Amino acid sequence: MITKKKLGKVEVEEDIQDASYIIKKDGKEIYFKPGKQDEMGIDDDIIEVIEKTVTKKAGGGVARLLGE
């Protein structure tokens, strides 16, 4: 289940199943998944900037599936 919240120019999508977030602002997206502390007290947070780049348009059967 995904919940969406928006405040000003910032939009946050929270995926309740895996406790991750996608934060969108000014055309950029950041994936954030908070970590859990291990026995040594170290958090393993995952933060990834999502780059949306297209290098080549799909062709053939793939293009029809994608609606291009």
C-alpha atoms as a PDB file:
ATOM      1  CA  MET A   1       0.000   0.000   0.000  1.00  0.00           C
ATOM      2  CA  ILE A   2       1.343   3.407  -0.978  1.00  0.00           C
ATOM      3  CA  THR A   3       0.347   6.683   0.627  1.00  0.00           C
ATOM      4  CA  LYS A   4       1.074  10.079  -0.941  1.00  0.00           C
ATOM      5  CA  LYS A   5       1.522  13.360   0.903  1.00  0.00           C
ATOM      6  CA  LYS A   6       2.277  16.792  -0.508  1.00  0.00           C
ATOM      7  CA  LEU A   7       3.458  19.931   1.243  1.00  0.00           C
ATOM      8  CA  GLY A   8       4.302  22.877  -0.954  1.00  0.00           C
ATOM      9  CA  LYS A   9       6.687  21.710  -3.680  1.00  0.00           C
ATOM     10  CA  VAL A  10       7.625  18.480  -1.900  1.00  0.00           C
ATOM     11  CA  GLU A  11       5.740  15.247  -2.565  1.00  0.00           C
ATOM     12  CA  VAL A  12       6.384  12.069  -0.556  1.00  0.00           C
ATOM     13  CA  GLU A  13       5.256   8.556  -1.469  1.00  0.00           C
ATOM     14  CA  GLU A  14       5.450   6.087   1.416  1.00  0.00           C
ATOM     15  CA  ASP A  15       5.393   2.356   0.719  1.00  0.00           C
ATOM     16  CA  ILE A  16       4.035   0.836   3.908  1.00  0.00           C
ATOM     17  CA  GLN A  17       5.009  -2.742   2.967  1.00  0.00           C
ATOM     18  CA  ASP A  18       8.779  -2.143   2.928  1.00  0.00           C
ATOM     19  CA  ALA A  19       8.859   1.153   4.901  1.00  0.00           C
ATOM     20  CA  SER A  20      10.512   3.073   2.058  1.00  0.00           C
ATOM     21  CA  TYR A  21       9.925   6.580   0.781  1.00  0.00           C
ATOM     22  CA  ILE A  22      10.263   8.346  -2.564  1.00  0.00           C
ATOM     23  CA  ILE A  23      10.740  12.075  -2.070  1.00  0.00           C
ATOM     24  CA  LYS A  24      10.064  14.315  -5.084  1.00  0.00           C
ATOM     25  CA  LYS A  25      11.082  17.971  -5.312  1.00  0.00           C
ATOM     26  CA  ASP A  26      11.896  20.239  -8.239  1.00  0.00           C
ATOM     27  CA  GLY A  27      11.848  17.374 -10.761  1.00  0.00           C
ATOM     28  CA  LYS A  28      14.276  15.212  -8.735  1.00  0.00           C
ATOM     29  CA  GLU A  29      13.469  11.993  -6.915  1.00  0.00           C
ATOM     30  CA  ILE A  30      15.242  10.443  -3.937  1.00  0.00           C
ATOM     31  CA  TYR A  31      14.616   6.894  -2.700  1.00  0.00           C
ATOM     32  CA  PHE A  32      15.018   6.523   1.068  1.00  0.00           C
ATOM     33  CA  LYS A  33      14.708   3.361   3.116  1.00  0.00           C
ATOM     34  CA  PRO A  34      15.551   3.716   6.804  1.00  0.00           C
ATOM     35  CA  GLY A  35      17.737   0.955   8.172  1.00  0.00           C
ATOM     36  CA  LYS A  36      17.533  -1.029  11.343  1.00  0.00           C
ATOM     37  CA  GLN A  37      20.216  -0.981  13.976  1.00  0.00           C
ATOM     38  CA  ASP A  38      22.322  -4.099  14.185  1.00  0.00           C
ATOM     39  CA  GLU A  39      23.961  -5.400  17.356  1.00  0.00           C
ATOM     40  CA  MET A  40      26.782  -2.862  16.983  1.00  0.00           C
ATOM     41  CA  GLY A  41      24.346   0.072  16.748  1.00  0.00           C
ATOM     42  CA  ILE A  42      24.985   0.786  13.067  1.00  0.00           C
ATOM     43  CA  ASP A  43      22.110   1.956  10.908  1.00  0.00           C
ATOM     44  CA  ASP A  44      21.990   0.784   7.294  1.00  0.00           C
ATOM     45  CA  ASP A  45      20.021   3.576   5.647  1.00  0.00           C
ATOM     46  CA  ILE A  46      19.602   3.348   1.892  1.00  0.00           C
ATOM     47  CA  ILE A  47      19.519   6.678   0.076  1.00  0.00           C
ATOM     48  CA  GLU A  48      19.558   6.701  -3.716  1.00  0.00           C
ATOM     49  CA  VAL A  49      19.025   9.541  -6.170  1.00  0.00           C
ATOM     50  CA  ILE A  50      16.734   8.288  -8.910  1.00  0.00           C
ATOM     51  CA  GLU A  51      17.945   9.459 -12.309  1.00  0.00           C
ATOM     52  CA  LYS A  52      15.405   9.392 -15.088  1.00  0.00           C
ATOM     53  CA  THR A  53      17.416   9.230 -18.287  1.00  0.00           C
ATOM     54  CA  VAL A  54      16.342   7.833 -21.608  1.00  0.00           C
ATOM     55  CA  THR A  55      19.102   6.809 -23.956  1.00  0.00           C
ATOM     56  CA  LYS A  56      17.058   5.066 -26.641  1.00  0.00           C
ATOM     57  CA  LYS A  57      13.401   4.749 -27.431  1.00  0.00           C
ATOM     58  CA  ALA A  58      11.995   1.248 -27.377  1.00  0.00           C
ATOM     59  CA  GLY A  59      11.419  -0.453 -30.699  1.00  0.00           C
ATOM     60  CA  GLY A  60       9.423  -3.380 -32.002  1.00  0.00           C
ATOM     61  CA  GLY A  61       7.270  -5.434 -29.627  1.00  0.00           C
ATOM     62  CA  VAL A  62       8.567  -3.610 -26.573  1.00  0.00           C
ATOM     63  CA  ALA A  63       7.393  -0.291 -28.009  1.00  0.00           C
ATOM     64  CA  ARG A  64       3.895  -1.655 -28.537  1.00  0.00           C
ATOM     65  CA  LEU A  65       3.801  -2.919 -24.958  1.00  0.00           C
ATOM     66  CA  LEU A  66       4.879   0.504 -23.690  1.00  0.00           C
ATOM     67  CA  GLY A  67       2.415   2.290 -25.934  1.00  0.00           C
ATOM     68  CA  GLU A  68       5.014   4.134 -28.021  1.00  0.00           C
END
